[in-house]
Structure formats: C-alpha cells, structure tokens
Amino acid sequence: TVVASVKYKGLESVKLLVIQPQDADGKKQGEPVIATDSMQAGVGDVVALLTGREATLALPEPFVPVDAGVIGIIDHAWKDERVL
C-alpha cells in the first residue's frame, strides 16, 4: 500500500497500491508501479492492470492524472491447462 500526504483533487478517496508486473509464469517482470485501486484488491491478489489515460475511467472522477489502475481481481488463470 502507498500513503500519500497530499493528493491531486479528485484522488482524495482513491486507494493506491504498489503493483509488481509479472509474466504468464508468475515471474517478476520489470519495475513495480504505483496504481489506483477502485477494486479494493489486497496484498497478494493477482490483478488486471490498465495503463495510460484509460486507467482513470474506473475512478469516481474520470479525468485525473493517473498512469495505471487496477481494473479487476483475478480469481483463476490458466496457461496450457495448468492453474497459475
């Protein structure tokens, strides 16, 4: 979780998370990113992440300066008939 002492107007009530991207095998890929979380994900959850301008569309205030946002929590994922 990320704590911000000052937030842009429109992001005051929005939760922020540190997200570690991973590949299809669950291995870390790239650097962690800070993302808004309108889905109420928790520690250890696998999430769907949207980047770019569209990341703001899941938020209560749609045109705030956000580069990444959680848009879903993944319950199960399969690759080649095995559960990830």
C-alpha atoms as a PDB file:
ATOM      1  CA  THR A   1       0.000   0.000   0.000  1.00  0.00           C
ATOM      2  CA  VAL A   2       1.119   3.552  -0.679  1.00  0.00           C
ATOM      3  CA  VAL A   3       0.365   6.502   1.590  1.00  0.00           C
ATOM      4  CA  ALA A   4       0.266   9.991   0.089  1.00  0.00           C
ATOM      5  CA  SER A   5       0.194  13.019   2.360  1.00  0.00           C
ATOM      6  CA  VAL A   6      -1.084  15.221  -0.478  1.00  0.00           C
ATOM      7  CA  LYS A   7      -3.229  14.032  -3.384  1.00  0.00           C
ATOM      8  CA  TYR A   8      -4.480  15.696  -6.539  1.00  0.00           C
ATOM      9  CA  LYS A   9      -8.082  16.945  -6.258  1.00  0.00           C
ATOM     10  CA  GLY A  10     -10.316  14.044  -7.297  1.00  0.00           C
ATOM     11  CA  LEU A  11      -7.963  11.376  -5.905  1.00  0.00           C
ATOM     12  CA  GLU A  12      -8.528  12.085  -2.191  1.00  0.00           C
ATOM     13  CA  SER A  13     -10.504   8.899  -1.503  1.00  0.00           C
ATOM     14  CA  VAL A  14      -8.713   6.653  -4.021  1.00  0.00           C
ATOM     15  CA  LYS A  15      -6.560   3.812  -2.662  1.00  0.00           C
ATOM     16  CA  LEU A  16      -3.044   3.423  -4.117  1.00  0.00           C
ATOM     17  CA  LEU A  17      -1.147   0.132  -4.401  1.00  0.00           C
ATOM     18  CA  VAL A  18       2.341  -0.963  -5.354  1.00  0.00           C
ATOM     19  CA  ILE A  19       1.921  -3.495  -8.190  1.00  0.00           C
ATOM     20  CA  GLN A  20       4.655  -5.854  -9.388  1.00  0.00           C
ATOM     21  CA  PRO A  21       4.011  -6.830 -13.026  1.00  0.00           C
ATOM     22  CA  GLN A  22       4.598 -10.495 -13.800  1.00  0.00           C
ATOM     23  CA  ASP A  23       4.739 -12.689 -16.872  1.00  0.00           C
ATOM     24  CA  ALA A  24       2.437 -15.627 -17.662  1.00  0.00           C
ATOM     25  CA  ASP A  25       4.596 -17.902 -15.479  1.00  0.00           C
ATOM     26  CA  GLY A  26       4.252 -15.628 -12.451  1.00  0.00           C
ATOM     27  CA  LYS A  27       7.841 -14.331 -12.605  1.00  0.00           C
ATOM     28  CA  LYS A  28       8.537 -10.668 -11.855  1.00  0.00           C
ATOM     29  CA  GLN A  29       8.702  -8.544 -14.987  1.00  0.00           C
ATOM     30  CA  GLY A  30      10.002  -5.000 -14.886  1.00  0.00           C
ATOM     31  CA  GLU A  31       9.842  -2.492 -12.067  1.00  0.00           C
ATOM     32  CA  PRO A  32       6.920  -2.135  -9.628  1.00  0.00           C
ATOM     33  CA  VAL A  33       4.349   0.558 -10.450  1.00  0.00           C
ATOM     34  CA  ILE A  34       2.006   2.652  -8.316  1.00  0.00           C
ATOM     35  CA  ALA A  35      -1.611   2.144  -9.370  1.00  0.00           C
ATOM     36  CA  THR A  36      -5.005   3.378  -8.276  1.00  0.00           C
ATOM     37  CA  ASP A  37      -7.272   0.667  -6.898  1.00  0.00           C
ATOM     38  CA  SER A  38     -11.020   1.019  -7.301  1.00  0.00           C
ATOM     39  CA  MET A  39     -11.484  -2.768  -6.922  1.00  0.00           C
ATOM     40  CA  GLN A  40     -10.269  -2.996  -3.280  1.00  0.00           C
ATOM     41  CA  ALA A  41      -7.530  -5.537  -4.004  1.00  0.00           C
ATOM     42  CA  GLY A  42      -5.374  -6.747  -1.161  1.00  0.00           C
ATOM     43  CA  VAL A  43      -1.839  -7.927  -0.519  1.00  0.00           C
ATOM     44  CA  GLY A  44      -1.061 -10.991  -2.630  1.00  0.00           C
ATOM     45  CA  ASP A  45      -4.005 -10.570  -5.014  1.00  0.00           C
ATOM     46  CA  VAL A  46      -3.327 -11.025  -8.713  1.00  0.00           C
ATOM     47  CA  VAL A  47      -4.911  -8.096 -10.528  1.00  0.00           C
ATOM     48  CA  ALA A  48      -5.608  -6.828 -14.026  1.00  0.00           C
ATOM     49  CA  LEU A  49      -3.815  -3.540 -14.608  1.00  0.00           C
ATOM     50  CA  LEU A  50      -4.713  -0.899 -17.186  1.00  0.00           C
ATOM     51  CA  THR A  51      -2.176   1.756 -18.111  1.00  0.00           C
ATOM     52  CA  GLY A  52      -2.467   5.031 -19.941  1.00  0.00           C
ATOM     53  CA  ARG A  53      -5.237   7.598 -19.998  1.00  0.00           C
ATOM     54  CA  GLU A  54      -7.945   4.919 -19.845  1.00  0.00           C
ATOM     55  CA  ALA A  55      -6.793   3.950 -16.319  1.00  0.00           C
ATOM     56  CA  THR A  56      -8.825   6.862 -14.936  1.00  0.00           C
ATOM     57  CA  LEU A  57     -12.138   5.598 -16.310  1.00  0.00           C
ATOM     58  CA  ALA A  58     -12.655   3.191 -13.380  1.00  0.00           C
ATOM     59  CA  LEU A  59     -12.369   6.035 -10.875  1.00  0.00           C
ATOM     60  CA  PRO A  60     -15.144   8.244  -9.449  1.00  0.00           C
ATOM     61  CA  GLU A  61     -13.536  11.328 -11.024  1.00  0.00           C
ATOM     62  CA  PRO A  62     -12.692  10.300 -14.608  1.00  0.00           C
ATOM     63  CA  PHE A  63     -10.005  12.688 -15.832  1.00  0.00           C
ATOM     64  CA  VAL A  64      -7.458  12.879 -13.039  1.00  0.00           C
ATOM     65  CA  PRO A  65      -3.715  12.431 -13.704  1.00  0.00           C
ATOM     66  CA  VAL A  66      -3.287   8.652 -13.391  1.00  0.00           C
ATOM     67  CA  ASP A  67      -0.987   6.362 -15.393  1.00  0.00           C
ATOM     68  CA  ALA A  68      -2.047   2.945 -14.035  1.00  0.00           C
ATOM     69  CA  GLY A  69      -5.150   1.491 -12.433  1.00  0.00           C
ATOM     70  CA  VAL A  70      -6.383  -1.851 -11.124  1.00  0.00           C
ATOM     71  CA  ILE A  71      -9.475  -2.832 -13.110  1.00  0.00           C
ATOM     72  CA  GLY A  72     -10.039  -6.361 -11.853  1.00  0.00           C
ATOM     73  CA  ILE A  73      -9.007  -9.028  -9.362  1.00  0.00           C
ATOM     74  CA  ILE A  74      -8.041 -12.352 -10.971  1.00  0.00           C
ATOM     75  CA  ASP A  75      -9.548 -15.390  -9.232  1.00  0.00           C
ATOM     76  CA  HIS A  76      -8.074 -18.062 -11.513  1.00  0.00           C
ATOM     77  CA  ALA A  77      -5.812 -18.079 -14.553  1.00  0.00           C
ATOM     78  CA  TRP A  78      -4.767 -20.954 -16.795  1.00  0.00           C
ATOM     79  CA  LYS A  79      -1.805 -21.457 -19.074  1.00  0.00           C
ATOM     80  CA  ASP A  80      -1.510 -24.655 -21.088  1.00  0.00           C
ATOM     81  CA  GLU A  81      -4.152 -26.376 -18.914  1.00  0.00           C
ATOM     82  CA  ARG A  82      -2.443 -25.594 -15.604  1.00  0.00           C
ATOM     83  CA  VAL A  83      -3.702 -23.151 -12.987  1.00  0.00           C
ATOM     84  CA  LEU A  84      -1.405 -20.207 -12.322  1.00  0.00           C
END
